[in-house]
Each structure stands twice: as structure tokens, then as C-alpha cells.
PDB file of N, CA and C in Angstrom:
ATOM      1  N   PRO A   1     -21.125 -18.217   7.677  1.00  0.00           N
ATOM      2  CA  PRO A   1     -22.579 -18.349   7.685  1.00  0.00           C
ATOM      3  C   PRO A   1     -23.245 -17.225   8.490  1.00  0.00           C
ATOM      4  N   ALA A   2     -24.460 -16.916   8.137  1.00  0.00           N
ATOM      5  CA  ALA A   2     -25.185 -15.824   8.792  1.00  0.00           C
ATOM      6  C   ALA A   2     -25.397 -16.093  10.285  1.00  0.00           C
ATOM      7  N   GLU A   3     -25.591 -17.360  10.648  1.00  0.00           N
ATOM      8  CA  GLU A   3     -25.822 -17.688  12.062  1.00  0.00           C
ATOM      9  C   GLU A   3     -24.599 -17.374  12.916  1.00  0.00           C
ATOM     10  N   ILE A   4     -23.425 -17.654  12.383  1.00  0.00           N
ATOM     11  CA  ILE A   4     -22.181 -17.372  13.109  1.00  0.00           C
ATOM     12  C   ILE A   4     -21.989 -15.859  13.242  1.00  0.00           C
ATOM     13  N   GLN A   5     -22.295 -15.128  12.188  1.00  0.00           N
ATOM     14  CA  GLN A   5     -22.178 -13.667  12.222  1.00  0.00           C
ATOM     15  C   GLN A   5     -23.138 -13.093  13.264  1.00  0.00           C
ATOM     16  N   THR A   6     -24.356 -13.579  13.298  1.00  0.00           N
ATOM     17  CA  THR A   6     -25.334 -13.103  14.270  1.00  0.00           C
ATOM     18  C   THR A   6     -24.904 -13.444  15.691  1.00  0.00           C
ATOM     19  N   LEU A   7     -24.408 -14.657  15.893  1.00  0.00           N
ATOM     20  CA  LEU A   7     -23.934 -15.056  17.224  1.00  0.00           C
ATOM     21  C   LEU A   7     -22.780 -14.162  17.673  1.00  0.00           C
ATOM     22  N   GLY A   8     -21.848 -13.861  16.771  1.00  0.00           N
ATOM     23  CA  GLY A   8     -20.737 -12.972  17.109  1.00  0.00           C
ATOM     24  C   GLY A   8     -21.217 -11.585  17.491  1.00  0.00           C
ATOM     25  N   LEU A   9     -22.187 -11.070  16.759  1.00  0.00           N
ATOM     26  CA  LEU A   9     -22.738  -9.754  17.076  1.00  0.00           C
ATOM     27  C   LEU A   9     -23.431  -9.751  18.432  1.00  0.00           C
ATOM     28  N   VAL A  10     -24.202 -10.795  18.708  1.00  0.00           N
ATOM     29  CA  VAL A  10     -24.897 -10.890  20.001  1.00  0.00           C
ATOM     30  C   VAL A  10     -23.890 -10.944  21.149  1.00  0.00           C
ATOM     31  N   LEU A  11     -22.860 -11.738  21.015  1.00  0.00           N
ATOM     32  CA  LEU A  11     -21.844 -11.822  22.071  1.00  0.00           C
ATOM     33  C   LEU A  11     -21.119 -10.494  22.260  1.00  0.00           C
ATOM     34  N   PHE A  12     -20.816  -9.811  21.155  1.00  0.00           N
ATOM     35  CA  PHE A  12     -20.143  -8.517  21.246  1.00  0.00           C
ATOM     36  C   PHE A  12     -21.017  -7.506  21.991  1.00  0.00           C
ATOM     37  N   VAL A  13     -22.284  -7.399  21.606  1.00  0.00           N
ATOM     38  CA  VAL A  13     -23.183  -6.441  22.247  1.00  0.00           C
ATOM     39  C   VAL A  13     -23.378  -6.793  23.716  1.00  0.00           C
ATOM     40  N   TYR A  14     -23.493  -8.074  24.032  1.00  0.00           N
ATOM     41  CA  TYR A  14     -23.648  -8.505  25.412  1.00  0.00           C
ATOM     42  C   TYR A  14     -22.443  -8.104  26.257  1.00  0.00           C
ATOM     43  N   CYS A  15     -21.248  -8.351  25.738  1.00  0.00           N
ATOM     44  CA  CYS A  15     -20.026  -8.011  26.481  1.00  0.00           C
ATOM     45  C   CYS A  15     -19.868  -6.506  26.653  1.00  0.00           C
ATOM     46  N   VAL A  16     -20.194  -5.740  25.626  1.00  0.00           N
ATOM     47  CA  VAL A  16     -20.136  -4.282  25.751  1.00  0.00           C
ATOM     48  C   VAL A  16     -21.144  -3.814  26.796  1.00  0.00           C
ATOM     49  N   GLY A  17     -22.323  -4.421  26.797  1.00  0.00           N
ATOM     50  CA  GLY A  17     -23.338  -4.071  27.796  1.00  0.00           C
ATOM     51  C   GLY A  17     -22.884  -4.365  29.211  1.00  0.00           C
ATOM     52  N   LEU A  18     -22.241  -5.502  29.412  1.00  0.00           N
ATOM     53  CA  LEU A  18     -21.733  -5.829  30.751  1.00  0.00           C
ATOM     54  C   LEU A  18     -20.695  -4.821  31.215  1.00  0.00           C
ATOM     55  N   GLN A  19     -19.844  -4.394  30.288  1.00  0.00           N
ATOM     56  CA  GLN A  19     -18.785  -3.453  30.639  1.00  0.00           C
ATOM     57  C   GLN A  19     -19.307  -2.038  30.870  1.00  0.00           C
ATOM     58  N   ALA A  20     -20.256  -1.610  30.059  1.00  0.00           N
ATOM     59  CA  ALA A  20     -20.676  -0.212  30.079  1.00  0.00           C
ATOM     60  C   ALA A  20     -21.867   0.070  30.995  1.00  0.00           C
ATOM     61  N   ALA A  21     -22.650  -0.928  31.334  1.00  0.00           N
ATOM     62  CA  ALA A  21     -23.894  -0.694  32.068  1.00  0.00           C
ATOM     63  C   ALA A  21     -23.713   0.038  33.400  1.00  0.00           C
ATOM     64  N   PRO A  22     -22.766  -0.343  34.258  1.00  0.00           N
ATOM     65  CA  PRO A  22     -22.675   0.357  35.552  1.00  0.00           C
ATOM     66  C   PRO A  22     -22.414   1.862  35.395  1.00  0.00           C
ATOM     67  N   GLY A  23     -21.487   2.221  34.538  1.00  0.00           N
ATOM     68  CA  GLY A  23     -21.201   3.644  34.326  1.00  0.00           C
ATOM     69  C   GLY A  23     -22.332   4.364  33.638  1.00  0.00           C
ATOM     70  N   PHE A  24     -23.034   3.663  32.755  1.00  0.00           N
ATOM     71  CA  PHE A  24     -24.159   4.258  32.035  1.00  0.00           C
ATOM     72  C   PHE A  24     -25.259   4.669  33.014  1.00  0.00           C
ATOM     73  N   PHE A  25     -25.624   3.780  33.913  1.00  0.00           N
ATOM     74  CA  PHE A  25     -26.696   4.109  34.848  1.00  0.00           C
ATOM     75  C   PHE A  25     -26.245   5.107  35.914  1.00  0.00           C
ATOM     76  N   LYS A  26     -24.958   5.090  36.267  1.00  0.00           N
ATOM     77  CA  LYS A  26     -24.441   6.080  37.205  1.00  0.00           C
ATOM     78  C   LYS A  26     -24.514   7.482  36.620  1.00  0.00           C
ATOM     79  N   SER A  27     -24.266   7.600  35.320  1.00  0.00           N
ATOM     80  CA  SER A  27     -24.279   8.917  34.685  1.00  0.00           C
ATOM     81  C   SER A  27     -25.664   9.539  34.702  1.00  0.00           C
ATOM     82  N   PHE A  28     -26.702   8.726  34.728  1.00  0.00           N
ATOM     83  CA  PHE A  28     -28.052   9.284  34.805  1.00  0.00           C
ATOM     84  C   PHE A  28     -28.304   9.945  36.149  1.00  0.00           C
ATOM     85  N   ARG A  29     -27.680   9.427  37.177  1.00  0.00           N
ATOM     86  CA  ARG A  29     -27.879  10.008  38.501  1.00  0.00           C
ATOM     87  C   ARG A  29     -27.170  11.341  38.655  1.00  0.00           C
ATOM     88  N   ARG A  30     -26.039  11.521  37.962  1.00  0.00           N
ATOM     89  CA  ARG A  30     -25.280  12.759  38.098  1.00  0.00           C
ATOM     90  C   ARG A  30     -25.809  13.825  37.146  1.00  0.00           C
ATOM     91  N   ASP A  31     -25.302  13.841  35.940  1.00  0.00           N
ATOM     92  CA  ASP A  31     -25.650  14.874  34.973  1.00  0.00           C
ATOM     93  C   ASP A  31     -26.392  14.294  33.783  1.00  0.00           C
ATOM     94  N   GLY A  32     -27.095  13.210  33.995  1.00  0.00           N
ATOM     95  CA  GLY A  32     -27.693  12.469  32.897  1.00  0.00           C
ATOM     96  C   GLY A  32     -28.633  13.271  32.021  1.00  0.00           C
ATOM     97  N   LEU A  33     -29.522  14.015  32.623  1.00  0.00           N
ATOM     98  CA  LEU A  33     -30.511  14.752  31.839  1.00  0.00           C
ATOM     99  C   LEU A  33     -29.838  15.829  30.998  1.00  0.00           C
ATOM    100  N   ALA A  34     -28.940  16.570  31.580  1.00  0.00           N
ATOM    101  CA  ALA A  34     -28.258  17.635  30.829  1.00  0.00           C
ATOM    102  C   ALA A  34     -27.424  17.064  29.684  1.00  0.00           C
ATOM    103  N   LEU A  35     -26.724  15.970  29.945  1.00  0.00           N
ATOM    104  CA  LEU A  35     -25.914  15.358  28.897  1.00  0.00           C
ATOM    105  C   LEU A  35     -26.772  14.796  27.774  1.00  0.00           C
ATOM    106  N   ASN A  36     -27.874  14.140  28.126  1.00  0.00           N
ATOM    107  CA  ASN A  36     -28.746  13.588  27.102  1.00  0.00           C
ATOM    108  C   ASN A  36     -29.414  14.680  26.275  1.00  0.00           C
ATOM    109  N   LEU A  37     -29.780  15.764  26.910  1.00  0.00           N
ATOM    110  CA  LEU A  37     -30.366  16.872  26.158  1.00  0.00           C
ATOM    111  C   LEU A  37     -29.351  17.529  25.232  1.00  0.00           C
ATOM    112  N   SER A  38     -28.098  17.608  25.650  1.00  0.00           N
ATOM    113  CA  SER A  38     -27.079  18.182  24.767  1.00  0.00           C
ATOM    114  C   SER A  38     -26.811  17.268  23.572  1.00  0.00           C
ATOM    115  N   VAL A  39     -26.836  15.955  23.785  1.00  0.00           N
ATOM    116  CA  VAL A  39     -26.680  15.012  22.673  1.00  0.00           C
ATOM    117  C   VAL A  39     -27.869  15.120  21.718  1.00  0.00           C
ATOM    118  N   LEU A  40     -29.063  15.222  22.272  1.00  0.00           N
ATOM    119  CA  LEU A  40     -30.255  15.380  21.441  1.00  0.00           C
ATOM    120  C   LEU A  40     -30.181  16.661  20.615  1.00  0.00           C
ATOM    121  N   ALA A  41     -29.712  17.744  21.221  1.00  0.00           N
ATOM    122  CA  ALA A  41     -29.567  19.007  20.486  1.00  0.00           C
ATOM    123  C   ALA A  41     -28.543  18.870  19.364  1.00  0.00           C
ATOM    124  N   GLY A  42     -27.449  18.186  19.627  1.00  0.00           N
ATOM    125  CA  GLY A  42     -26.446  17.971  18.590  1.00  0.00           C
ATOM    126  C   GLY A  42     -26.973  17.132  17.440  1.00  0.00           C
ATOM    127  N   LEU A  43     -27.727  16.090  17.770  1.00  0.00           N
ATOM    128  CA  LEU A  43     -28.329  15.257  16.724  1.00  0.00           C
ATOM    129  C   LEU A  43     -29.335  16.038  15.884  1.00  0.00           C
ATOM    130  N   MET A  44     -30.130  16.853  16.531  1.00  0.00           N
ATOM    131  CA  MET A  44     -31.118  17.653  15.797  1.00  0.00           C
ATOM    132  C   MET A  44     -30.423  18.685  14.907  1.00  0.00           C
ATOM    133  N   LEU A  45     -29.344  19.265  15.383  1.00  0.00           N
ATOM    134  CA  LEU A  45     -28.581  20.213  14.576  1.00  0.00           C
ATOM    135  C   LEU A  45     -27.987  19.522  13.347  1.00  0.00           C
ATOM    136  N   ALA A  46     -27.425  18.335  13.556  1.00  0.00           N
ATOM    137  CA  ALA A  46     -26.864  17.577  12.434  1.00  0.00           C
ATOM    138  C   ALA A  46     -27.956  17.186  11.450  1.00  0.00           C
ATOM    139  N   PHE A  47     -29.115  16.788  11.950  1.00  0.00           N
ATOM    140  CA  PHE A  47     -30.234  16.442  11.073  1.00  0.00           C
ATOM    141  C   PHE A  47     -30.682  17.661  10.278  1.00  0.00           C
ATOM    142  N   GLY A  48     -30.763  18.815  10.930  1.00  0.00           N
ATOM    143  CA  GLY A  48     -31.143  20.044  10.237  1.00  0.00           C
ATOM    144  C   GLY A  48     -30.162  20.405   9.129  1.00  0.00           C
ATOM    145  N   CYS A  49     -28.888  20.262   9.412  1.00  0.00           N
ATOM    146  CA  CYS A  49     -27.861  20.533   8.392  1.00  0.00           C
ATOM    147  C   CYS A  49     -27.980  19.568   7.220  1.00  0.00           C
ATOM    148  N   ALA A  50     -28.224  18.297   7.518  1.00  0.00           N
ATOM    149  CA  ALA A  50     -28.384  17.304   6.452  1.00  0.00           C
ATOM    150  C   ALA A  50     -29.633  17.602   5.625  1.00  0.00           C
ATOM    151  N   TYR A  51     -30.693  17.994   6.273  1.00  0.00           N
ATOM    152  CA  TYR A  51     -31.932  18.325   5.557  1.00  0.00           C
ATOM    153  C   TYR A  51     -31.724  19.528   4.642  1.00  0.00           C
ATOM    154  N   LEU A  52     -31.065  20.546   5.162  1.00  0.00           N
ATOM    155  CA  LEU A  52     -30.790  21.732   4.334  1.00  0.00           C
ATOM    156  C   LEU A  52     -29.869  21.377   3.163  1.00  0.00           C
ATOM    157  N   ALA A  53     -28.889  20.536   3.405  1.00  0.00           N
ATOM    158  CA  ALA A  53     -27.997  20.106   2.333  1.00  0.00           C
ATOM    159  C   ALA A  53     -28.769  19.331   1.272  1.00  0.00           C
ATOM    160  N   LEU A  54     -29.729  18.535   1.698  1.00  0.00           N
ATOM    161  CA  LEU A  54     -30.544  17.774   0.754  1.00  0.00           C
ATOM    162  C   LEU A  54     -31.386  18.705  -0.106  1.00  0.00           C
ATOM    163  N   ARG A  55     -31.990  19.679   0.509  1.00  0.00           N
ATOM    164  CA  ARG A  55     -32.884  20.591  -0.217  1.00  0.00           C
ATOM    165  C   ARG A  55     -32.118  21.564  -1.113  1.00  0.00           C
ATOM    166  N   TRP A  56     -30.987  22.076  -0.655  1.00  0.00           N
ATOM    167  CA  TRP A  56     -30.287  23.125  -1.398  1.00  0.00           C
ATOM    168  C   TRP A  56     -29.238  22.608  -2.382  1.00  0.00           C
ATOM    169  N   SER A  57     -28.687  21.440  -2.126  1.00  0.00           N
ATOM    170  CA  SER A  57     -27.589  20.983  -2.985  1.00  0.00           C
ATOM    171  C   SER A  57     -28.064  20.214  -4.208  1.00  0.00           C
ATOM    172  N   GLY A  58     -29.237  19.645  -4.132  1.00  0.00           N
ATOM    173  CA  GLY A  58     -29.728  18.851  -5.248  1.00  0.00           C
ATOM    174  C   GLY A  58     -29.070  17.489  -5.353  1.00  0.00           C
ATOM    175  N   ARG A  59     -28.318  17.085  -4.366  1.00  0.00           N
ATOM    176  CA  ARG A  59     -27.663  15.778  -4.363  1.00  0.00           C
ATOM    177  C   ARG A  59     -28.701  14.701  -4.042  1.00  0.00           C
ATOM    178  N   PRO A  60     -28.417  13.460  -4.434  1.00  0.00           N
ATOM    179  CA  PRO A  60     -29.374  12.378  -4.164  1.00  0.00           C
ATOM    180  C   PRO A  60     -29.546  12.119  -2.665  1.00  0.00           C
ATOM    181  N   THR A  61     -30.751  11.722  -2.298  1.00  0.00           N
ATOM    182  CA  THR A  61     -31.064  11.452  -0.896  1.00  0.00           C
ATOM    183  C   THR A  61     -30.145  10.400  -0.272  1.00  0.00           C
ATOM    184  N   PRO A  62     -29.864   9.270  -0.949  1.00  0.00           N
ATOM    185  CA  PRO A  62     -28.968   8.287  -0.312  1.00  0.00           C
ATOM    186  C   PRO A  62     -27.581   8.854  -0.001  1.00  0.00           C
ATOM    187  N   LEU A  63     -27.077   9.728  -0.844  1.00  0.00           N
ATOM    188  CA  LEU A  63     -25.763  10.323  -0.604  1.00  0.00           C
ATOM    189  C   LEU A  63     -25.784  11.192   0.655  1.00  0.00           C
ATOM    190  N   ILE A  64     -26.790  12.040   0.774  1.00  0.00           N
ATOM    191  CA  ILE A  64     -26.893  12.919   1.950  1.00  0.00           C
ATOM    192  C   ILE A  64     -27.127  12.085   3.208  1.00  0.00           C
ATOM    193  N   THR A  65     -27.913  11.024   3.092  1.00  0.00           N
ATOM    194  CA  THR A  65     -28.145  10.154   4.245  1.00  0.00           C
ATOM    195  C   THR A  65     -26.854   9.483   4.689  1.00  0.00           C
ATOM    196  N   GLY A  66     -26.055   9.048   3.732  1.00  0.00           N
ATOM    197  CA  GLY A  66     -24.757   8.457   4.067  1.00  0.00           C
ATOM    198  C   GLY A  66     -23.826   9.466   4.716  1.00  0.00           C
ATOM    199  N   ILE A  67     -23.853  10.694   4.229  1.00  0.00           N
ATOM    200  CA  ILE A  67     -23.032  11.752   4.839  1.00  0.00           C
ATOM    201  C   ILE A  67     -23.468  12.003   6.273  1.00  0.00           C
ATOM    202  N   PHE A  68     -24.776  12.017   6.509  1.00  0.00           N
ATOM    203  CA  PHE A  68     -25.299  12.205   7.864  1.00  0.00           C
ATOM    204  C   PHE A  68     -24.796  11.089   8.793  1.00  0.00           C
ATOM    205  N   CYS A  69     -24.871   9.853   8.335  1.00  0.00           N
ATOM    206  CA  CYS A  69     -24.386   8.719   9.143  1.00  0.00           C
ATOM    207  C   CYS A  69     -22.884   8.813   9.374  1.00  0.00           C
ATOM    208  N   GLY A  70     -22.144   9.186   8.349  1.00  0.00           N
ATOM    209  CA  GLY A  70     -20.702   9.282   8.468  1.00  0.00           C
ATOM    210  C   GLY A  70     -20.258  10.423   9.360  1.00  0.00           C
ATOM    211  N   ALA A  71     -20.980  11.535   9.294  1.00  0.00           N
ATOM    212  CA  ALA A  71     -20.626  12.681  10.138  1.00  0.00           C
ATOM    213  C   ALA A  71     -20.795  12.347  11.612  1.00  0.00           C
ATOM    214  N   LEU A  72     -21.736  11.464  11.915  1.00  0.00           N
ATOM    215  CA  LEU A  72     -21.966  11.054  13.291  1.00  0.00           C
ATOM    216  C   LEU A  72     -21.223   9.756  13.625  1.00  0.00           C
ATOM    217  N   THR A  73     -20.420   9.269  12.681  1.00  0.00           N
ATOM    218  CA  THR A  73     -19.671   8.011  12.789  1.00  0.00           C
ATOM    219  C   THR A  73     -20.551   6.886  13.323  1.00  0.00           C
ATOM    220  N   SER A  74     -21.712   6.742  12.710  1.00  0.00           N
ATOM    221  CA  SER A  74     -22.668   5.731  13.141  1.00  0.00           C
ATOM    222  C   SER A  74     -22.778   4.629  12.089  1.00  0.00           C
ATOM    223  N   THR A  75     -21.952   3.629  12.232  1.00  0.00           N
ATOM    224  CA  THR A  75     -21.990   2.502  11.314  1.00  0.00           C
ATOM    225  C   THR A  75     -23.306   1.733  11.414  1.00  0.00           C
ATOM    226  N   PRO A  76     -23.888   1.548  12.614  1.00  0.00           N
ATOM    227  CA  PRO A  76     -25.192   0.880  12.655  1.00  0.00           C
ATOM    228  C   PRO A  76     -26.270   1.658  11.889  1.00  0.00           C
ATOM    229  N   ALA A  77     -26.189   2.976  11.908  1.00  0.00           N
ATOM    230  CA  ALA A  77     -27.159   3.765  11.147  1.00  0.00           C
ATOM    231  C   ALA A  77     -26.968   3.538   9.656  1.00  0.00           C
ATOM    232  N   LEU A  78     -25.724   3.431   9.208  1.00  0.00           N
ATOM    233  CA  LEU A  78     -25.471   3.145   7.800  1.00  0.00           C
ATOM    234  C   LEU A  78     -26.033   1.777   7.432  1.00  0.00           C
ATOM    235  N   GLY A  79     -25.875   0.796   8.295  1.00  0.00           N
ATOM    236  CA  GLY A  79     -26.453  -0.520   8.060  1.00  0.00           C
ATOM    237  C   GLY A  79     -27.963  -0.463   7.932  1.00  0.00           C
ATOM    238  N   ALA A  80     -28.592   0.335   8.806  1.00  0.00           N
ATOM    239  CA  ALA A  80     -30.047   0.489   8.736  1.00  0.00           C
ATOM    240  C   ALA A  80     -30.464   1.183   7.448  1.00  0.00           C
ATOM    241  N   VAL A  81     -29.696   2.172   7.028  1.00  0.00           N
ATOM    242  CA  VAL A  81     -30.001   2.890   5.788  1.00  0.00           C
ATOM    243  C   VAL A  81     -29.889   1.954   4.589  1.00  0.00           C
ATOM    244  N   THR A  82     -28.823   1.176   4.529  1.00  0.00           N
ATOM    245  CA  THR A  82     -28.659   0.281   3.380  1.00  0.00           C
ATOM    246  C   THR A  82     -29.751  -0.781   3.342  1.00  0.00           C
ATOM    247  N   GLU A  83     -30.130  -1.309   4.506  1.00  0.00           N
ATOM    248  CA  GLU A  83     -31.223  -2.283   4.546  1.00  0.00           C
ATOM    249  C   GLU A  83     -32.548  -1.644   4.156  1.00  0.00           C
ATOM    250  N   SER A  84     -32.758  -0.408   4.590  1.00  0.00           N
ATOM    251  CA  SER A  84     -33.976   0.310   4.230  1.00  0.00           C
ATOM    252  C   SER A  84     -34.051   0.557   2.729  1.00  0.00           C
ATOM    253  N   ILE A  85     -32.933   0.932   2.140  1.00  0.00           N
ATOM    254  CA  ILE A  85     -32.898   1.155   0.689  1.00  0.00           C
ATOM    255  C   ILE A  85     -33.212  -0.137  -0.048  1.00  0.00           C
ATOM    256  N   LYS A  86     -32.608  -1.239   0.396  1.00  0.00           N
ATOM    257  CA  LYS A  86     -32.837  -2.530  -0.260  1.00  0.00           C
ATOM    258  C   LYS A  86     -34.294  -2.974  -0.124  1.00  0.00           C
ATOM    259  N   SER A  87     -34.863  -2.832   1.078  1.00  0.00           N
ATOM    260  CA  SER A  87     -36.228  -3.317   1.302  1.00  0.00           C
ATOM    261  C   SER A  87     -37.281  -2.440   0.630  1.00  0.00           C
ATOM    262  N   SER A  88     -36.947  -1.186   0.346  1.00  0.00           N
ATOM    263  CA  SER A  88     -37.914  -0.305  -0.306  1.00  0.00           C
ATOM    264  C   SER A  88     -37.780  -0.316  -1.823  1.00  0.00           C
ATOM    265  N   GLY A  89     -36.978  -1.223  -2.338  1.00  0.00           N
ATOM    266  CA  GLY A  89     -36.847  -1.358  -3.779  1.00  0.00           C
ATOM    267  C   GLY A  89     -35.795  -0.469  -4.400  1.00  0.00           C
ATOM    268  N   GLY A  90     -34.898   0.066  -3.591  1.00  0.00           N
ATOM    269  CA  GLY A  90     -33.816   0.899  -4.110  1.00  0.00           C
ATOM    270  C   GLY A  90     -32.824   0.066  -4.910  1.00  0.00           C
ATOM    271  N   THR A  91     -32.044   0.739  -5.706  1.00  0.00           N
ATOM    272  CA  THR A  91     -31.071   0.054  -6.549  1.00  0.00           C
ATOM    273  C   THR A  91     -29.734  -0.093  -5.831  1.00  0.00           C
ATOM    274  N   ALA A  92     -28.855  -0.879  -6.421  1.00  0.00           N
ATOM    275  CA  ALA A  92     -27.508  -1.038  -5.875  1.00  0.00           C
ATOM    276  C   ALA A  92     -26.757   0.287  -5.931  1.00  0.00           C
ATOM    277  N   THR A  93     -27.078   1.120  -6.921  1.00  0.00           N
ATOM    278  CA  THR A  93     -26.450   2.443  -7.022  1.00  0.00           C
ATOM    279  C   THR A  93     -26.815   3.304  -5.816  1.00  0.00           C
ATOM    280  N   ASP A  94     -28.071   3.211  -5.365  1.00  0.00           N
ATOM    281  CA  ASP A  94     -28.497   3.974  -4.185  1.00  0.00           C
ATOM    282  C   ASP A  94     -27.729   3.523  -2.944  1.00  0.00           C
ATOM    283  N   VAL A  95     -27.567   2.225  -2.799  1.00  0.00           N
ATOM    284  CA  VAL A  95     -26.803   1.694  -1.657  1.00  0.00           C
ATOM    285  C   VAL A  95     -25.359   2.183  -1.737  1.00  0.00           C
ATOM    286  N   ASN A  96     -24.787   2.134  -2.929  1.00  0.00           N
ATOM    287  CA  ASN A  96     -23.406   2.589  -3.103  1.00  0.00           C
ATOM    288  C   ASN A  96     -23.262   4.075  -2.798  1.00  0.00           C
ATOM    289  N   LEU A  97     -24.261   4.871  -3.178  1.00  0.00           N
ATOM    290  CA  LEU A  97     -24.206   6.308  -2.863  1.00  0.00           C
ATOM    291  C   LEU A  97     -24.194   6.545  -1.366  1.00  0.00           C
ATOM    292  N   ALA A  98     -25.001   5.788  -0.619  1.00  0.00           N
ATOM    293  CA  ALA A  98     -25.029   5.940   0.837  1.00  0.00           C
ATOM    294  C   ALA A  98     -23.670   5.571   1.445  1.00  0.00           C
ATOM    295  N   VAL A  99     -23.069   4.505   0.944  1.00  0.00           N
ATOM    296  CA  VAL A  99     -21.763   4.076   1.450  1.00  0.00           C
ATOM    297  C   VAL A  99     -20.691   5.092   1.106  1.00  0.00           C
ATOM    298  N   VAL A 100     -20.741   5.650  -0.095  1.00  0.00           N
ATOM    299  CA  VAL A 100     -19.764   6.674  -0.494  1.00  0.00           C
ATOM    300  C   VAL A 100     -19.929   7.918   0.381  1.00  0.00           C
ATOM    301  N   GLY A 101     -21.167   8.336   0.618  1.00  0.00           N
ATOM    302  CA  GLY A 101     -21.400   9.487   1.486  1.00  0.00           C
ATOM    303  C   GLY A 101     -20.841   9.277   2.876  1.00  0.00           C
ATOM    304  N   TYR A 102     -21.039   8.061   3.412  1.00  0.00           N
ATOM    305  CA  TYR A 102     -20.494   7.726   4.734  1.00  0.00           C
ATOM    306  C   TYR A 102     -18.973   7.830   4.723  1.00  0.00           C
ATOM    307  N   GLY A 103     -18.375   7.267   3.694  1.00  0.00           N
ATOM    308  CA  GLY A 103     -16.913   7.282   3.602  1.00  0.00           C
ATOM    309  C   GLY A 103     -16.352   8.684   3.438  1.00  0.00           C
ATOM    310  N   VAL A 104     -17.037   9.523   2.689  1.00  0.00           N
ATOM    311  CA  VAL A 104     -16.565  10.895   2.474  1.00  0.00           C
ATOM    312  C   VAL A 104     -16.616  11.688   3.779  1.00  0.00           C
ATOM    313  N   ALA A 105     -17.699  11.495   4.523  1.00  0.00           N
ATOM    314  CA  ALA A 105     -17.834  12.240   5.784  1.00  0.00           C
ATOM    315  C   ALA A 105     -16.836  11.730   6.791  1.00  0.00           C
TER     316      ALA A 105
END
């Protein structure tokens, strides 16, 4: 059932937060700004590459979006993309293209 799945996700995120929070906040005191800016630069570079691939390759947008998510190994982003495609009236083929792009990357 969906309620059990949601409860499992909430417990998982809570436990990860308990484990990671002390080190996460400590890292901000040391090199936090430099590390966060380098991650932001990497994300922007990946986004730029995905945008150029979309414009120059002629491939469908869901496929390139899935590749972007897969290249960054971001399964939550893929979930958001598939939900966005579904809620905006996209077809099952569009969802499948995003999943294939993720898997290929």
C-alpha cells in the first residue's frame, strides 16, 4: 500500500538525517562554501552539457532529461521528472524515454 511505502521512505530519510547531520553541519564550518560552490559549478556544467545535447542532437527532451539525471546518479530527480511528465499530460512513451536515458547514463 502507498501508506506503507511513504512511511518507509519517511523513516529512511529520518535515519539518514540523524546519521549525516553532525558531519554535514561541521563541513560548513570548515570548507563548506568552497565545496558547495564547486558542486554548484559541476551541476551547472552538467546542465549546460545536457542543454547543448538537447539543442544539437535532436533527441527528445525526456531522453536528455533522463540522461542528465543518470549522469548525476540522482534517482530522486528521475522520480521528479517522471511525475512531472505524468502531471503535464505526457505519454507513457515519454516516461519510458526518461527512464531509458537514466539507465544509459
